[in-house]
Amino acid sequence: GPVMGAYTKGLANSGPAGWQTVLREDVGWEK
C-alpha cells in the first residue's frame, strides 16, 4: 500500500520521501 495523508497548508519537510532522512529540527512552516 501507500503512505498517504492530508497536511495543513505550508507544513514543510513532512511526509513520504522514500528513505530520505529529515531531521526533526528541520521540520517547519513555510515563510
ModelCIF file with pLDDT and N, C-alpha, C, O atoms, coordinates in Angstrom:
data_MODEL
#
_entry.id   MODEL 
#
_entity.id                         1 
_entity.type                       polymer 
_entity.pdbx_number_of_molecules   1 
#
_entity_poly.entity_id                      1 
_entity_poly.type                           'polypeptide(L)' 
_entity_poly.nstd_linkage                   no 
_entity_poly.nstd_monomer                   no 
_entity_poly.pdbx_seq_one_letter_code       GPVMGAYTKGLANSGPAGWQTVLREDVGWEK 
_entity_poly.pdbx_seq_one_letter_code_can   GPVMGAYTKGLANSGPAGWQTVLREDVGWEK 
_entity_poly.pdbx_strand_id                 A 
#
loop_
_entity_poly_seq.entity_id 
_entity_poly_seq.num 
_entity_poly_seq.mon_id 
_entity_poly_seq.hetero 
1 1  GLY n 
1 2  PRO n 
1 3  VAL n 
1 4  MET n 
1 5  GLY n 
1 6  ALA n 
1 7  TYR n 
1 8  THR n 
1 9  LYS n 
1 10 GLY n 
1 11 LEU n 
1 12 ALA n 
1 13 ASN n 
1 14 SER n 
1 15 GLY n 
1 16 PRO n 
1 17 ALA n 
1 18 GLY n 
1 19 TRP n 
1 20 GLN n 
1 21 THR n 
1 22 VAL n 
1 23 LEU n 
1 24 ARG n 
1 25 GLU n 
1 26 ASP n 
1 27 VAL n 
1 28 GLY n 
1 29 TRP n 
1 30 GLU n 
1 31 LYS n 
#
_struct_asym.id          A 
_struct_asym.entity_id   1 
#
loop_
_ma_qa_metric.id 
_ma_qa_metric.mode 
_ma_qa_metric.name 
_ma_qa_metric.software_group_id 
_ma_qa_metric.type 
1 global pLDDT . pLDDT 
2 local  pLDDT . pLDDT 
#
_ma_qa_metric_global.metric_id      1 
_ma_qa_metric_global.metric_value   94.58 
_ma_qa_metric_global.model_id       1 
_ma_qa_metric_global.ordinal_id     1 
#
loop_
_ma_qa_metric_local.label_asym_id 
_ma_qa_metric_local.label_comp_id 
_ma_qa_metric_local.label_seq_id 
_ma_qa_metric_local.metric_id 
_ma_qa_metric_local.metric_value 
_ma_qa_metric_local.model_id 
_ma_qa_metric_local.ordinal_id 
A GLY 1  2 91.00 1 1  
A PRO 2  2 91.00 1 2  
A VAL 3  2 90.00 1 3  
A MET 4  2 92.00 1 4  
A GLY 5  2 93.00 1 5  
A ALA 6  2 95.00 1 6  
A TYR 7  2 97.00 1 7  
A THR 8  2 96.00 1 8  
A LYS 9  2 94.00 1 9  
A GLY 10 2 96.00 1 10 
A LEU 11 2 97.00 1 11 
A ALA 12 2 97.00 1 12 
A ASN 13 2 97.00 1 13 
A SER 14 2 96.00 1 14 
A GLY 15 2 94.00 1 15 
A PRO 16 2 91.00 1 16 
A ALA 17 2 91.00 1 17 
A GLY 18 2 89.00 1 18 
A TRP 19 2 90.00 1 19 
A GLN 20 2 92.00 1 20 
A THR 21 2 93.00 1 21 
A VAL 22 2 94.00 1 22 
A LEU 23 2 96.00 1 23 
A ARG 24 2 97.00 1 24 
A GLU 25 2 98.00 1 25 
A ASP 26 2 98.00 1 26 
A VAL 27 2 98.00 1 27 
A GLY 28 2 98.00 1 28 
A TRP 29 2 98.00 1 29 
A GLU 30 2 97.00 1 30 
A LYS 31 2 96.00 1 31 
#
loop_
_atom_site.group_PDB 
_atom_site.id 
_atom_site.type_symbol 
_atom_site.label_atom_id 
_atom_site.label_alt_id 
_atom_site.label_comp_id 
_atom_site.label_asym_id 
_atom_site.label_entity_id 
_atom_site.label_seq_id 
_atom_site.pdbx_PDB_ins_code 
_atom_site.Cartn_x 
_atom_site.Cartn_y 
_atom_site.Cartn_z 
_atom_site.occupancy 
_atom_site.B_iso_or_equiv 
_atom_site.pdbx_formal_charge 
_atom_site.auth_seq_id 
_atom_site.auth_comp_id 
_atom_site.auth_asym_id 
_atom_site.auth_atom_id 
_atom_site.pdbx_PDB_model_num 
ATOM 1   N N  . GLY A 1 1  ? 0.794  -1.222 0.000  1.00 91.00 ? 1  GLY A N  1 
ATOM 2   C CA . GLY A 1 1  ? 0.000  0.000  0.000  1.00 91.00 ? 1  GLY A CA 1 
ATOM 3   C C  . GLY A 1 1  ? 0.826  1.271  0.000  1.00 91.00 ? 1  GLY A C  1 
ATOM 4   O O  . GLY A 1 1  ? 2.056  1.222  0.020  1.00 91.00 ? 1  GLY A O  1 
ATOM 5   N N  . PRO A 1 2  ? 0.147  2.415  -0.023 1.00 91.00 ? 2  PRO A N  1 
ATOM 6   C CA . PRO A 1 2  ? 0.839  3.703  0.017  1.00 91.00 ? 2  PRO A CA 1 
ATOM 7   C C  . PRO A 1 2  ? 0.967  4.224  1.437  1.00 91.00 ? 2  PRO A C  1 
ATOM 8   O O  . PRO A 1 2  ? 0.353  3.696  2.365  1.00 91.00 ? 2  PRO A O  1 
ATOM 9   N N  . VAL A 1 3  ? 1.757  5.250  1.592  1.00 90.00 ? 3  VAL A N  1 
ATOM 10  C CA . VAL A 1 3  ? 1.729  6.062  2.788  1.00 90.00 ? 3  VAL A CA 1 
ATOM 11  C C  . VAL A 1 3  ? 1.029  7.341  2.311  1.00 90.00 ? 3  VAL A C  1 
ATOM 12  O O  . VAL A 1 3  ? 1.558  8.057  1.461  1.00 90.00 ? 3  VAL A O  1 
ATOM 13  N N  . MET A 1 4  ? -0.152 7.626  2.855  1.00 92.00 ? 4  MET A N  1 
ATOM 14  C CA . MET A 1 4  ? -0.993 8.676  2.288  1.00 92.00 ? 4  MET A CA 1 
ATOM 15  C C  . MET A 1 4  ? -1.710 9.449  3.381  1.00 92.00 ? 4  MET A C  1 
ATOM 16  O O  . MET A 1 4  ? -2.191 8.871  4.356  1.00 92.00 ? 4  MET A O  1 
ATOM 17  N N  . GLY A 1 5  ? -1.775 10.757 3.207  1.00 93.00 ? 5  GLY A N  1 
ATOM 18  C CA . GLY A 1 5  ? -2.474 11.562 4.182  1.00 93.00 ? 5  GLY A CA 1 
ATOM 19  C C  . GLY A 1 5  ? -2.682 12.984 3.727  1.00 93.00 ? 5  GLY A C  1 
ATOM 20  O O  . GLY A 1 5  ? -2.240 13.364 2.643  1.00 93.00 ? 5  GLY A O  1 
ATOM 21  N N  . ALA A 1 6  ? -3.350 13.774 4.546  1.00 95.00 ? 6  ALA A N  1 
ATOM 22  C CA . ALA A 1 6  ? -3.592 15.185 4.277  1.00 95.00 ? 6  ALA A CA 1 
ATOM 23  C C  . ALA A 1 6  ? -2.768 16.032 5.238  1.00 95.00 ? 6  ALA A C  1 
ATOM 24  O O  . ALA A 1 6  ? -2.543 15.651 6.386  1.00 95.00 ? 6  ALA A O  1 
ATOM 25  N N  . TYR A 1 7  ? -2.320 17.192 4.747  1.00 97.00 ? 7  TYR A N  1 
ATOM 26  C CA . TYR A 1 7  ? -1.446 18.074 5.510  1.00 97.00 ? 7  TYR A CA 1 
ATOM 27  C C  . TYR A 1 7  ? -1.968 19.498 5.475  1.00 97.00 ? 7  TYR A C  1 
ATOM 28  O O  . TYR A 1 7  ? -2.469 19.963 4.451  1.00 97.00 ? 7  TYR A O  1 
ATOM 29  N N  . THR A 1 8  ? -1.847 20.181 6.592  1.00 96.00 ? 8  THR A N  1 
ATOM 30  C CA . THR A 1 8  ? -2.192 21.594 6.636  1.00 96.00 ? 8  THR A CA 1 
ATOM 31  C C  . THR A 1 8  ? -1.266 22.369 5.704  1.00 96.00 ? 8  THR A C  1 
ATOM 32  O O  . THR A 1 8  ? -0.080 22.057 5.591  1.00 96.00 ? 8  THR A O  1 
ATOM 33  N N  . LYS A 1 9  ? -1.815 23.375 5.042  1.00 94.00 ? 9  LYS A N  1 
ATOM 34  C CA . LYS A 1 9  ? -1.062 24.169 4.079  1.00 94.00 ? 9  LYS A CA 1 
ATOM 35  C C  . LYS A 1 9  ? 0.216  24.742 4.701  1.00 94.00 ? 9  LYS A C  1 
ATOM 36  O O  . LYS A 1 9  ? 0.192  25.314 5.791  1.00 94.00 ? 9  LYS A O  1 
ATOM 37  N N  . GLY A 1 10 ? 1.324  24.575 3.986  1.00 96.00 ? 10 GLY A N  1 
ATOM 38  C CA . GLY A 1 10 ? 2.583  25.177 4.399  1.00 96.00 ? 10 GLY A CA 1 
ATOM 39  C C  . GLY A 1 10 ? 3.479  24.318 5.263  1.00 96.00 ? 10 GLY A C  1 
ATOM 40  O O  . GLY A 1 10 ? 4.616  24.703 5.537  1.00 96.00 ? 10 GLY A O  1 
ATOM 41  N N  . LEU A 1 11 ? 2.998  23.163 5.701  1.00 97.00 ? 11 LEU A N  1 
ATOM 42  C CA . LEU A 1 11 ? 3.854  22.296 6.509  1.00 97.00 ? 11 LEU A CA 1 
ATOM 43  C C  . LEU A 1 11 ? 4.931  21.699 5.606  1.00 97.00 ? 11 LEU A C  1 
ATOM 44  O O  . LEU A 1 11 ? 4.621  21.052 4.606  1.00 97.00 ? 11 LEU A O  1 
ATOM 45  N N  . ALA A 1 12 ? 6.177  21.914 5.957  1.00 97.00 ? 12 ALA A N  1 
ATOM 46  C CA . ALA A 1 12 ? 7.291  21.528 5.091  1.00 97.00 ? 12 ALA A CA 1 
ATOM 47  C C  . ALA A 1 12 ? 8.144  20.434 5.705  1.00 97.00 ? 12 ALA A C  1 
ATOM 48  O O  . ALA A 1 12 ? 8.239  20.304 6.925  1.00 97.00 ? 12 ALA A O  1 
ATOM 49  N N  . ASN A 1 13 ? 8.767  19.646 4.824  1.00 97.00 ? 13 ASN A N  1 
ATOM 50  C CA . ASN A 1 13 ? 9.654  18.542 5.220  1.00 97.00 ? 13 ASN A CA 1 
ATOM 51  C C  . ASN A 1 13 ? 8.917  17.508 6.059  1.00 97.00 ? 13 ASN A C  1 
ATOM 52  O O  . ASN A 1 13 ? 9.484  16.913 6.976  1.00 97.00 ? 13 ASN A O  1 
ATOM 53  N N  . SER A 1 14 ? 7.660  17.307 5.734  1.00 96.00 ? 14 SER A N  1 
ATOM 54  C CA . SER A 1 14 ? 6.838  16.334 6.460  1.00 96.00 ? 14 SER A CA 1 
ATOM 55  C C  . SER A 1 14 ? 6.027  15.530 5.461  1.00 96.00 ? 14 SER A C  1 
ATOM 56  O O  . SER A 1 14 ? 5.227  16.082 4.705  1.00 96.00 ? 14 SER A O  1 
ATOM 57  N N  . GLY A 1 15 ? 6.241  14.218 5.463  1.00 94.00 ? 15 GLY A N  1 
ATOM 58  C CA . GLY A 1 15 ? 5.539  13.357 4.519  1.00 94.00 ? 15 GLY A CA 1 
ATOM 59  C C  . GLY A 1 15 ? 6.479  12.328 3.930  1.00 94.00 ? 15 GLY A C  1 
ATOM 60  O O  . GLY A 1 15 ? 7.641  12.259 4.330  1.00 94.00 ? 15 GLY A O  1 
ATOM 61  N N  . PRO A 1 16 ? 6.006  11.526 2.989  1.00 91.00 ? 16 PRO A N  1 
ATOM 62  C CA . PRO A 1 16 ? 6.820  10.448 2.425  1.00 91.00 ? 16 PRO A CA 1 
ATOM 63  C C  . PRO A 1 16 ? 7.947  10.981 1.555  1.00 91.00 ? 16 PRO A C  1 
ATOM 64  O O  . PRO A 1 16 ? 7.750  11.887 0.745  1.00 91.00 ? 16 PRO A O  1 
ATOM 65  N N  . ALA A 1 17 ? 9.125  10.410 1.733  1.00 91.00 ? 17 ALA A N  1 
ATOM 66  C CA . ALA A 1 17 ? 10.298 10.835 0.968  1.00 91.00 ? 17 ALA A CA 1 
ATOM 67  C C  . ALA A 1 17 ? 11.234 9.665  0.727  1.00 91.00 ? 17 ALA A C  1 
ATOM 68  O O  . ALA A 1 17 ? 12.454 9.817  0.782  1.00 91.00 ? 17 ALA A O  1 
ATOM 69  N N  . GLY A 1 18 ? 10.661 8.487  0.459  1.00 89.00 ? 18 GLY A N  1 
ATOM 70  C CA . GLY A 1 18 ? 11.493 7.311  0.259  1.00 89.00 ? 18 GLY A CA 1 
ATOM 71  C C  . GLY A 1 18 ? 12.276 7.009  1.525  1.00 89.00 ? 18 GLY A C  1 
ATOM 72  O O  . GLY A 1 18 ? 11.712 6.971  2.619  1.00 89.00 ? 18 GLY A O  1 
ATOM 73  N N  . TRP A 1 19 ? 13.581 6.795  1.373  1.00 90.00 ? 19 TRP A N  1 
ATOM 74  C CA . TRP A 1 19 ? 14.437 6.504  2.531  1.00 90.00 ? 19 TRP A CA 1 
ATOM 75  C C  . TRP A 1 19 ? 15.089 7.767  3.085  1.00 90.00 ? 19 TRP A C  1 
ATOM 76  O O  . TRP A 1 19 ? 15.861 7.699  4.042  1.00 90.00 ? 19 TRP A O  1 
ATOM 77  N N  . GLN A 1 20 ? 14.785 8.909  2.495  1.00 92.00 ? 20 GLN A N  1 
ATOM 78  C CA . GLN A 1 20 ? 15.436 10.148 2.905  1.00 92.00 ? 20 GLN A CA 1 
ATOM 79  C C  . GLN A 1 20 ? 15.170 10.480 4.374  1.00 92.00 ? 20 GLN A C  1 
ATOM 80  O O  . GLN A 1 20 ? 14.036 10.407 4.846  1.00 92.00 ? 20 GLN A O  1 
ATOM 81  N N  . THR A 1 21 ? 16.230 10.843 5.082  1.00 93.00 ? 21 THR A N  1 
ATOM 82  C CA . THR A 1 21 ? 16.109 11.238 6.477  1.00 93.00 ? 21 THR A CA 1 
ATOM 83  C C  . THR A 1 21 ? 15.866 12.741 6.564  1.00 93.00 ? 21 THR A C  1 
ATOM 84  O O  . THR A 1 21 ? 16.615 13.537 5.998  1.00 93.00 ? 21 THR A O  1 
ATOM 85  N N  . VAL A 1 22 ? 14.824 13.113 7.270  1.00 94.00 ? 22 VAL A N  1 
ATOM 86  C CA . VAL A 1 22 ? 14.572 14.521 7.581  1.00 94.00 ? 22 VAL A CA 1 
ATOM 87  C C  . VAL A 1 22 ? 14.678 14.662 9.094  1.00 94.00 ? 22 VAL A C  1 
ATOM 88  O O  . VAL A 1 22 ? 13.882 14.084 9.834  1.00 94.00 ? 22 VAL A O  1 
ATOM 89  N N  . LEU A 1 23 ? 15.659 15.428 9.550  1.00 96.00 ? 23 LEU A N  1 
ATOM 90  C CA . LEU A 1 23 ? 15.854 15.584 10.980 1.00 96.00 ? 23 LEU A CA 1 
ATOM 91  C C  . LEU A 1 23 ? 14.730 16.424 11.573 1.00 96.00 ? 23 LEU A C  1 
ATOM 92  O O  . LEU A 1 23 ? 14.206 17.326 10.919 1.00 96.00 ? 23 LEU A O  1 
ATOM 93  N N  . ARG A 1 24 ? 14.365 16.126 12.810 1.00 97.00 ? 24 ARG A N  1 
ATOM 94  C CA . ARG A 1 24 ? 13.221 16.776 13.441 1.00 97.00 ? 24 ARG A CA 1 
ATOM 95  C C  . ARG A 1 24 ? 13.376 18.294 13.518 1.00 97.00 ? 24 ARG A C  1 
ATOM 96  O O  . ARG A 1 24 ? 12.395 19.031 13.416 1.00 97.00 ? 24 ARG A O  1 
ATOM 97  N N  . GLU A 1 25 ? 14.609 18.752 13.697 1.00 98.00 ? 25 GLU A N  1 
ATOM 98  C CA . GLU A 1 25 ? 14.812 20.190 13.827 1.00 98.00 ? 25 GLU A CA 1 
ATOM 99  C C  . GLU A 1 25 ? 14.600 20.935 12.512 1.00 98.00 ? 25 GLU A C  1 
ATOM 100 O O  . GLU A 1 25 ? 14.536 22.164 12.500 1.00 98.00 ? 25 GLU A O  1 
ATOM 101 N N  . ASP A 1 26 ? 14.489 20.195 11.396 1.00 98.00 ? 26 ASP A N  1 
ATOM 102 C CA . ASP A 1 26 ? 14.327 20.815 10.084 1.00 98.00 ? 26 ASP A CA 1 
ATOM 103 C C  . ASP A 1 26 ? 12.894 20.812 9.578  1.00 98.00 ? 26 ASP A C  1 
ATOM 104 O O  . ASP A 1 26 ? 12.642 21.243 8.453  1.00 98.00 ? 26 ASP A O  1 
ATOM 105 N N  . VAL A 1 27 ? 11.950 20.338 10.383 1.00 98.00 ? 27 VAL A N  1 
ATOM 106 C CA . VAL A 1 27 ? 10.536 20.381 10.011 1.00 98.00 ? 27 VAL A CA 1 
ATOM 107 C C  . VAL A 1 27 ? 9.974  21.730 10.457 1.00 98.00 ? 27 VAL A C  1 
ATOM 108 O O  . VAL A 1 27 ? 10.196 22.152 11.592 1.00 98.00 ? 27 VAL A O  1 
ATOM 109 N N  . GLY A 1 28 ? 9.241  22.409 9.559  1.00 98.00 ? 28 GLY A N  1 
ATOM 110 C CA . GLY A 1 28 ? 8.719  23.719 9.918  1.00 98.00 ? 28 GLY A CA 1 
ATOM 111 C C  . GLY A 1 28 ? 7.625  24.189 8.979  1.00 98.00 ? 28 GLY A C  1 
ATOM 112 O O  . GLY A 1 28 ? 7.132  23.430 8.144  1.00 98.00 ? 28 GLY A O  1 
ATOM 113 N N  . TRP A 1 29 ? 7.256  25.442 9.126  1.00 98.00 ? 29 TRP A N  1 
ATOM 114 C CA . TRP A 1 29 ? 6.231  26.070 8.283  1.00 98.00 ? 29 TRP A CA 1 
ATOM 115 C C  . TRP A 1 29 ? 6.903  27.001 7.282  1.00 98.00 ? 29 TRP A C  1 
ATOM 116 O O  . TRP A 1 29 ? 7.829  27.737 7.623  1.00 98.00 ? 29 TRP A O  1 
ATOM 117 N N  . GLU A 1 30 ? 6.425  26.957 6.050  1.00 97.00 ? 30 GLU A N  1 
ATOM 118 C CA . GLU A 1 30 ? 6.960  27.855 5.023  1.00 97.00 ? 30 GLU A CA 1 
ATOM 119 C C  . GLU A 1 30 ? 6.782  29.316 5.421  1.00 97.00 ? 30 GLU A C  1 
ATOM 120 O O  . GLU A 1 30 ? 5.800  29.691 6.061  1.00 97.00 ? 30 GLU A O  1 
ATOM 121 N N  . LYS A 1 31 ? 7.764  30.133 5.022  1.00 96.00 ? 31 LYS A N  1 
ATOM 122 C CA . LYS A 1 31 ? 7.633  31.577 5.228  1.00 96.00 ? 31 LYS A CA 1 
ATOM 123 C C  . LYS A 1 31 ? 6.570  32.139 4.285  1.00 96.00 ? 31 LYS A C  1 
ATOM 124 O O  . LYS A 1 31 ? 6.305  33.341 4.299  1.00 96.00 ? 31 LYS A O  1 
#
